[in-house]
Amino acid sequence: MRKSVLICCALTLLAVTCARSQEIASYPAKLLFENSRMKVTEFQAEPGKDICGTGKHSHPAHLTIVVTDAKIKLIKADGKVIETQVPAGSSFWSEAETHEVINNGDKPVKVFIVEPKQ
């Protein structure tokens, strides 16, 4: 009986984990952590989709950590377009800004954005 309960619990946990993984894959953003001092968000984007927000949007000053190789198209608030490649493992600081960022590659992109709170 005890073994059956353990197997049932393990299968339930596996099913919930798989369902959660599919849910994460279908949404571009997932809040990973937030407290009074910082916020960490995971963003995922399929090719041709927005990476860190929908359309033109704004962020406060933040650290970006690039998890996968990324080919991006950045459209700045003034309309200037920058196309670049950012390798996995890169990180960079950005001051508060308004932009649009599109996955311009042929593979999914994943980044983490860390926003310190003041």
C-alpha atoms as a PDB file:
ATOM      1  CA  MET A   1       0.000   0.000   0.000  1.00  0.00           C
ATOM      2  CA  ARG A   2       2.749   2.447   0.992  1.00  0.00           C
ATOM      3  CA  LYS A   3       4.620   1.744  -2.242  1.00  0.00           C
ATOM      4  CA  SER A   4       1.443   2.452  -4.264  1.00  0.00           C
ATOM      5  CA  VAL A   5       0.959   5.787  -2.498  1.00  0.00           C
ATOM      6  CA  LEU A   6       4.564   6.773  -3.185  1.00  0.00           C
ATOM      7  CA  ILE A   7       4.266   5.822  -6.851  1.00  0.00           C
ATOM      8  CA  CYS A   8       0.998   7.767  -7.110  1.00  0.00           C
ATOM      9  CA  CYS A   9       2.620  10.843  -5.513  1.00  0.00           C
ATOM     10  CA  ALA A  10       5.648  10.602  -7.816  1.00  0.00           C
ATOM     11  CA  LEU A  11       3.438  10.308 -10.911  1.00  0.00           C
ATOM     12  CA  THR A  12       1.336  13.269  -9.783  1.00  0.00           C
ATOM     13  CA  LEU A  13       4.454  15.368  -9.225  1.00  0.00           C
ATOM     14  CA  LEU A  14       5.782  14.361 -12.646  1.00  0.00           C
ATOM     15  CA  ALA A  15       2.471  15.269 -14.317  1.00  0.00           C
ATOM     16  CA  VAL A  16       2.367  18.668 -12.583  1.00  0.00           C
ATOM     17  CA  THR A  17       6.001  19.355 -13.519  1.00  0.00           C
ATOM     18  CA  CYS A  18       5.382  18.432 -17.172  1.00  0.00           C
ATOM     19  CA  ALA A  19       2.230  20.556 -17.300  1.00  0.00           C
ATOM     20  CA  ARG A  20       4.121  23.473 -15.739  1.00  0.00           C
ATOM     21  CA  SER A  21       6.942  23.098 -18.286  1.00  0.00           C
ATOM     22  CA  GLN A  22       4.423  23.234 -21.124  1.00  0.00           C
ATOM     23  CA  GLU A  23       2.775  26.273 -19.515  1.00  0.00           C
ATOM     24  CA  ILE A  24       6.122  28.050 -19.258  1.00  0.00           C
ATOM     25  CA  ALA A  25       6.927  27.273 -22.890  1.00  0.00           C
ATOM     26  CA  SER A  26       3.652  28.784 -24.062  1.00  0.00           C
ATOM     27  CA  TYR A  27       4.027  32.108 -22.194  1.00  0.00           C
ATOM     28  CA  PRO A  28       6.771  34.640 -22.912  1.00  0.00           C
ATOM     29  CA  ALA A  29       7.276  35.761 -19.287  1.00  0.00           C
ATOM     30  CA  LYS A  30       7.513  34.071 -15.915  1.00  0.00           C
ATOM     31  CA  LEU A  31       8.109  35.900 -12.642  1.00  0.00           C
ATOM     32  CA  LEU A  32      10.843  33.913 -10.878  1.00  0.00           C
ATOM     33  CA  PHE A  33      11.410  36.067  -7.816  1.00  0.00           C
ATOM     34  CA  GLU A  34      10.242  39.351  -6.353  1.00  0.00           C
ATOM     35  CA  ASN A  35      10.710  41.085  -3.027  1.00  0.00           C
ATOM     36  CA  SER A  36      11.095  44.665  -1.849  1.00  0.00           C
ATOM     37  CA  ARG A  37      14.634  44.859  -3.282  1.00  0.00           C
ATOM     38  CA  MET A  38      14.500  43.139  -6.686  1.00  0.00           C
ATOM     39  CA  LYS A  39      12.464  41.399  -9.348  1.00  0.00           C
ATOM     40  CA  VAL A  40      13.672  38.560 -11.611  1.00  0.00           C
ATOM     41  CA  THR A  41      11.688  37.649 -14.723  1.00  0.00           C
ATOM     42  CA  GLU A  42      12.339  34.903 -17.257  1.00  0.00           C
ATOM     43  CA  PHE A  43      11.388  35.694 -20.849  1.00  0.00           C
ATOM     44  CA  GLN A  44      11.132  33.173 -23.679  1.00  0.00           C
ATOM     45  CA  ALA A  45      10.483  33.977 -27.323  1.00  0.00           C
ATOM     46  CA  GLU A  46       9.964  31.895 -30.409  1.00  0.00           C
ATOM     47  CA  PRO A  47      11.449  33.137 -33.711  1.00  0.00           C
ATOM     48  CA  GLY A  48       9.741  36.324 -34.896  1.00  0.00           C
ATOM     49  CA  LYS A  49       8.169  37.009 -31.486  1.00  0.00           C
ATOM     50  CA  ASP A  50       8.757  39.729 -28.886  1.00  0.00           C
ATOM     51  CA  ILE A  51      11.452  38.817 -26.370  1.00  0.00           C
ATOM     52  CA  CYS A  52      11.032  40.906 -23.212  1.00  0.00           C
ATOM     53  CA  GLY A  53       7.591  42.468 -23.560  1.00  0.00           C
ATOM     54  CA  THR A  54       4.875  42.951 -26.138  1.00  0.00           C
ATOM     55  CA  GLY A  55       5.477  45.595 -28.800  1.00  0.00           C
ATOM     56  CA  LYS A  56       6.960  48.902 -27.671  1.00  0.00           C
ATOM     57  CA  HIS A  57       7.335  48.787 -23.882  1.00  0.00           C
ATOM     58  CA  SER A  58       9.486  50.181 -21.069  1.00  0.00           C
ATOM     59  CA  HIS A  59      11.776  48.773 -18.399  1.00  0.00           C
ATOM     60  CA  PRO A  60      13.411  50.454 -15.428  1.00  0.00           C
ATOM     61  CA  ALA A  61      17.210  50.121 -15.213  1.00  0.00           C
ATOM     62  CA  HIS A  62      18.011  46.391 -15.296  1.00  0.00           C
ATOM     63  CA  LEU A  63      20.510  43.585 -15.805  1.00  0.00           C
ATOM     64  CA  THR A  64      19.841  41.206 -18.708  1.00  0.00           C
ATOM     65  CA  ILE A  65      21.277  37.669 -18.614  1.00  0.00           C
ATOM     66  CA  VAL A  66      21.129  35.867 -21.960  1.00  0.00           C
ATOM     67  CA  VAL A  67      20.601  32.109 -21.531  1.00  0.00           C
ATOM     68  CA  THR A  68      20.549  31.065 -25.205  1.00  0.00           C
ATOM     69  CA  ASP A  69      22.299  32.413 -28.279  1.00  0.00           C
ATOM     70  CA  ALA A  70      20.120  35.245 -29.547  1.00  0.00           C
ATOM     71  CA  LYS A  71      19.811  37.067 -32.833  1.00  0.00           C
ATOM     72  CA  ILE A  72      17.795  40.173 -32.037  1.00  0.00           C
ATOM     73  CA  LYS A  73      16.229  43.181 -33.655  1.00  0.00           C
ATOM     74  CA  LEU A  74      16.094  46.123 -31.250  1.00  0.00           C
ATOM     75  CA  ILE A  75      13.866  49.068 -32.132  1.00  0.00           C
ATOM     76  CA  LYS A  76      14.688  52.032 -29.886  1.00  0.00           C
ATOM     77  CA  ALA A  77      12.178  54.652 -28.747  1.00  0.00           C
ATOM     78  CA  ASP A  78      13.445  57.038 -31.440  1.00  0.00           C
ATOM     79  CA  GLY A  79      12.840  54.409 -34.159  1.00  0.00           C
ATOM     80  CA  LYS A  80      16.500  53.488 -34.649  1.00  0.00           C
ATOM     81  CA  VAL A  81      16.856  49.782 -35.526  1.00  0.00           C
ATOM     82  CA  ILE A  82      19.793  47.700 -34.323  1.00  0.00           C
ATOM     83  CA  GLU A  83      20.248  44.075 -35.404  1.00  0.00           C
ATOM     84  CA  THR A  84      22.821  42.049 -33.499  1.00  0.00           C
ATOM     85  CA  GLN A  85      23.757  38.636 -32.170  1.00  0.00           C
ATOM     86  CA  VAL A  86      24.229  38.039 -28.451  1.00  0.00           C
ATOM     87  CA  PRO A  87      25.888  34.789 -27.329  1.00  0.00           C
ATOM     88  CA  ALA A  88      24.528  32.600 -24.544  1.00  0.00           C
ATOM     89  CA  GLY A  89      26.056  33.487 -21.198  1.00  0.00           C
ATOM     90  CA  SER A  90      26.256  37.206 -21.958  1.00  0.00           C
ATOM     91  CA  SER A  91      24.988  39.782 -19.538  1.00  0.00           C
ATOM     92  CA  PHE A  92      24.630  43.539 -19.804  1.00  0.00           C
ATOM     93  CA  TRP A  93      23.261  46.512 -17.897  1.00  0.00           C
ATOM     94  CA  SER A  94      20.664  48.840 -19.426  1.00  0.00           C
ATOM     95  CA  GLU A  95      19.448  52.124 -18.034  1.00  0.00           C
ATOM     96  CA  ALA A  96      15.675  52.715 -18.010  1.00  0.00           C
ATOM     97  CA  GLU A  97      14.463  52.566 -21.600  1.00  0.00           C
ATOM     98  CA  THR A  98      11.578  52.151 -23.998  1.00  0.00           C
ATOM     99  CA  HIS A  99      12.091  49.732 -26.881  1.00  0.00           C
ATOM    100  CA  GLU A 100      10.816  46.759 -28.854  1.00  0.00           C
ATOM    101  CA  VAL A 101      12.971  43.616 -28.973  1.00  0.00           C
ATOM    102  CA  ILE A 102      12.241  40.820 -31.460  1.00  0.00           C
ATOM    103  CA  ASN A 103      13.772  37.349 -31.775  1.00  0.00           C
ATOM    104  CA  ASN A 104      15.228  37.734 -35.266  1.00  0.00           C
ATOM    105  CA  GLY A 105      16.735  34.245 -35.312  1.00  0.00           C
ATOM    106  CA  ASP A 106      15.447  30.794 -36.163  1.00  0.00           C
ATOM    107  CA  LYS A 107      15.610  29.308 -32.630  1.00  0.00           C
ATOM    108  CA  PRO A 108      13.831  30.112 -29.349  1.00  0.00           C
ATOM    109  CA  VAL A 109      15.482  32.707 -27.101  1.00  0.00           C
ATOM    110  CA  LYS A 110      15.537  32.797 -23.294  1.00  0.00           C
ATOM    111  CA  VAL A 111      16.704  35.710 -21.112  1.00  0.00           C
ATOM    112  CA  PHE A 112      16.449  36.715 -17.468  1.00  0.00           C
ATOM    113  CA  ILE A 113      15.873  40.342 -16.522  1.00  0.00           C
ATOM    114  CA  VAL A 114      16.879  41.439 -13.020  1.00  0.00           C
ATOM    115  CA  GLU A 115      15.358  44.754 -11.918  1.00  0.00           C
ATOM    116  CA  PRO A 116      16.670  46.264  -8.699  1.00  0.00           C
ATOM    117  CA  LYS A 117      14.039  48.229  -6.796  1.00  0.00           C
ATOM    118  CA  GLN A 118      14.945  51.566  -5.290  1.00  0.00           C
END
